[in-house]
Protein backbone atom coordinates (compact mmCIF):
# COMPACT_ATOMS: atom_id res chain seq x y z
CA MET A 1 9.98 -2.78 111.10
CA SER A 2 12.95 -1.53 112.63
CA ARG A 3 15.73 -4.02 111.85
CA ILE A 4 18.02 -2.47 114.71
CA GLY A 5 15.17 -2.36 117.22
CA LYS A 6 14.33 -6.31 116.71
CA LYS A 7 17.92 -7.08 118.09
CA PRO A 8 18.24 -7.54 121.73
CA VAL A 9 21.15 -5.50 123.59
CA PRO A 10 23.47 -8.02 125.25
CA VAL A 11 24.72 -7.10 128.69
CA PRO A 12 28.23 -8.15 129.09
CA LYS A 13 29.68 -9.56 131.95
CA GLY A 14 30.77 -6.87 134.65
CA VAL A 15 28.13 -4.72 133.53
CA THR A 16 25.01 -4.52 135.75
CA ALA A 17 21.77 -2.88 133.87
CA LYS A 18 18.58 -2.05 135.87
CA VAL A 19 15.20 -1.24 134.10
CA ASP A 20 12.87 0.57 136.14
CA GLY A 21 9.64 1.39 133.98
CA GLN A 22 10.88 3.80 131.47
CA HIS A 23 14.44 4.64 132.99
CA VAL A 24 17.32 2.33 131.90
CA SER A 25 20.64 2.45 133.83
CA VAL A 26 23.88 0.93 133.29
CA LYS A 27 26.76 0.48 135.52
CA GLY A 28 30.44 -0.75 134.41
CA GLY A 29 34.03 -0.28 134.90
CA LYS A 30 34.30 3.25 133.49
CA GLY A 31 31.03 4.52 135.38
CA GLU A 32 27.18 4.69 135.50
CA LEU A 33 24.97 6.08 132.71
CA SER A 34 21.16 6.34 132.35
CA PHE A 35 18.73 7.02 129.73
CA THR A 36 14.95 7.71 129.89
CA VAL A 37 12.89 5.63 127.26
CA PRO A 38 10.25 7.69 125.48
CA ASP A 39 6.65 6.41 126.26
CA ASP A 40 6.32 4.97 122.61
CA VAL A 41 8.37 1.86 123.35
CA SER A 42 8.41 -0.50 126.25
CA VAL A 43 11.75 -1.89 127.90
CA ALA A 44 12.39 -5.24 129.47
CA TYR A 45 15.13 -6.72 130.98
CA ALA A 46 15.39 -10.57 130.72
CA GLY A 47 18.26 -12.77 131.55
CA GLU A 48 21.09 -11.19 130.06
CA GLU A 49 19.73 -8.92 127.40
CA ILE A 50 17.72 -5.82 127.38
CA LYS A 51 14.41 -6.02 124.72
CA VAL A 52 12.93 -2.87 123.34
CA ASP A 53 9.51 -3.28 121.77
CA PRO A 54 7.03 -0.65 120.12
CA ARG A 55 3.90 0.03 121.98
CA SER A 56 1.73 0.68 118.91
CA GLU A 57 2.49 0.57 115.14
CA SER A 58 2.54 4.34 114.63
CA LYS A 59 5.24 6.22 112.62
CA ARG A 60 6.99 7.83 115.74
CA ALA A 61 6.79 4.45 117.94
CA ARG A 62 8.68 2.84 114.93
CA ALA A 63 11.31 5.38 115.02
CA MET A 64 11.64 5.50 119.04
CA TRP A 65 11.99 1.92 118.69
CA GLY A 66 15.31 1.83 116.78
CA MET A 67 16.71 5.09 118.46
CA SER A 68 15.91 3.47 121.90
CA ARG A 69 17.68 0.38 121.29
CA ALA A 70 20.80 2.20 119.67
CA MET A 71 20.71 4.48 123.00
CA ILE A 72 20.65 1.56 125.35
CA ASN A 73 23.84 -0.01 123.37
CA ASN A 74 25.38 3.10 123.43
CA LEU A 75 25.20 3.16 127.31
CA ILE A 76 26.75 -0.56 127.48
CA VAL A 77 29.49 0.18 124.85
CA GLY A 78 30.26 3.84 127.01
CA VAL A 79 30.64 2.10 130.33
CA THR A 80 32.71 -0.87 128.84
CA LYS A 81 34.86 0.99 126.20
CA GLY A 82 34.14 4.53 126.09
CA TYR A 83 34.07 6.61 122.99
CA GLU A 84 37.16 8.71 121.43
CA LYS A 85 37.21 11.25 118.58
CA LYS A 86 40.37 12.85 117.17
CA LEU A 87 40.65 15.90 115.51
CA GLU A 88 43.43 17.31 113.43
CA ILE A 89 44.66 20.92 113.28
CA THR A 90 46.27 22.27 109.94
CA GLY A 91 47.47 25.58 109.37
CA VAL A 92 50.66 27.71 109.92
CA GLY A 93 50.64 28.71 113.51
CA TYR A 94 47.58 26.54 114.31
CA LYS A 95 47.93 24.46 117.44
CA ALA A 96 46.27 23.54 120.71
CA ALA A 97 47.48 22.61 124.20
CA VAL A 98 45.87 21.44 127.36
CA VAL A 99 46.46 23.73 130.43
CA GLY A 100 45.05 22.63 133.69
CA LYS A 101 41.18 22.20 132.83
CA ASN A 102 41.34 24.52 129.67
CA LEU A 103 41.83 23.76 126.25
CA GLN A 104 43.67 26.33 124.83
CA PRO A 105 43.64 26.53 120.93
CA SER A 106 45.71 29.05 118.95
CA LEU A 107 43.74 29.18 115.63
CA GLY A 108 44.51 32.65 114.24
CA TYR A 109 42.21 34.74 116.51
CA SER A 110 43.52 38.06 117.68
CA HIS A 111 42.53 36.78 121.38
CA ASP A 112 43.25 33.88 123.47
CA VAL A 113 40.53 31.24 123.28
CA ASN A 114 39.87 29.10 125.97
CA TYR A 115 37.69 25.94 126.28
CA GLU A 116 36.69 24.72 129.68
CA ILE A 117 36.74 20.86 129.77
CA PRO A 118 33.28 19.55 130.79
CA ALA A 119 33.01 16.91 133.47
CA GLY A 120 33.19 13.23 132.14
CA VAL A 121 35.44 14.20 129.02
CA ALA A 122 39.07 13.93 128.75
CA ILE A 123 41.12 15.87 126.47
CA VAL A 124 44.56 15.01 125.47
CA THR A 125 46.93 16.69 122.91
CA PRO A 126 49.43 14.34 121.77
CA LYS A 127 50.99 16.83 119.56
CA PRO A 128 50.31 20.43 119.34
CA THR A 129 48.48 19.55 116.02
CA GLU A 130 45.98 16.79 117.53
CA ILE A 131 43.28 16.79 119.88
CA THR A 132 41.93 13.51 121.50
CA ILE A 133 38.59 13.54 123.06
CA ALA A 134 37.56 10.62 125.07
CA GLY A 135 34.67 9.82 127.39
CA MET A 136 32.02 7.56 128.05
CA ASP A 137 29.12 9.29 126.89
CA LYS A 138 28.88 9.33 123.30
CA ARG A 139 26.62 12.21 122.66
CA GLN A 140 28.80 14.38 125.02
CA VAL A 141 32.21 13.47 123.21
CA GLY A 142 30.63 14.12 119.84
CA GLN A 143 29.15 17.34 120.95
CA VAL A 144 32.58 18.55 122.51
CA ALA A 145 34.31 17.66 119.20
CA ALA A 146 31.56 19.62 117.31
CA GLU A 147 32.12 22.89 119.40
CA ILE A 148 35.88 22.60 119.13
CA ARG A 149 35.73 22.25 115.18
CA ALA A 150 33.19 24.99 115.10
CA TRP A 151 35.82 27.36 116.10
CA ARG A 152 37.60 27.11 112.69
CA GLY A 153 36.16 24.38 110.69
CA PRO A 154 38.19 23.28 107.50
CA GLU A 155 38.12 25.63 104.48
CA PRO A 156 38.08 24.27 101.01
CA TYR A 157 40.84 26.21 99.28
CA LYS A 158 43.97 25.59 101.42
CA GLY A 159 42.25 22.74 103.88
CA LYS A 160 43.34 25.06 107.03
CA GLY A 161 41.39 24.83 110.17
CA VAL A 162 40.14 21.83 112.53
CA LYS A 163 39.08 18.90 111.19
CA TYR A 164 38.05 15.01 112.34
CA ALA A 165 40.70 12.34 111.82
CA GLY A 166 39.84 10.63 108.49
CA GLU A 167 37.46 13.49 107.27
CA PHE A 168 37.63 14.27 103.73
CA ILE A 169 37.94 17.73 102.82
CA PHE A 170 36.55 18.70 99.31
CA ARG A 171 39.27 21.04 97.77
CA LYS A 172 38.30 24.07 95.62
CA GLU A 173 40.67 24.90 92.89
CA GLY A 174 40.55 28.65 93.25
CA LYS A 175 40.74 31.34 90.53
CA LYS A 176 42.93 31.10 87.52
CA LYS A 177 45.09 33.93 86.22
């Protein structure tokens, strides 16, 4: 049994939720998000909570049960608080700046790299070595952070590159003379 799926998702005040068959839409202070629940689970909106139940006892239904409940909870948190990821840039000459609707990181490439900021995501560089990504869709915020980190991931010898804030980079010693 899914421990997460058993818990109903509470809908706080100021948030309106609507369940139309398998489609769940949530509207709050930051905007509106929606999710289509797989056919293996059923969704019901009763009172001030959304309840998710599996339609059968198959392995897939049990897996989709917990995942669907978590996705609906992410929608509610997204429209109330939003999500944020922070990246840190380490290395001599490595930095980033937001220019208009583009992020321009300088990560040691011989050419300029421009990353067009997608709609629904805000990117801020409080310091040249820090990038803050914020938005209401958890999946999209995580995807943007992963794409930026993929340009120059942290390397294990000197720790240069782009890493998540608080991420531990296992360091290697290198060759001895």
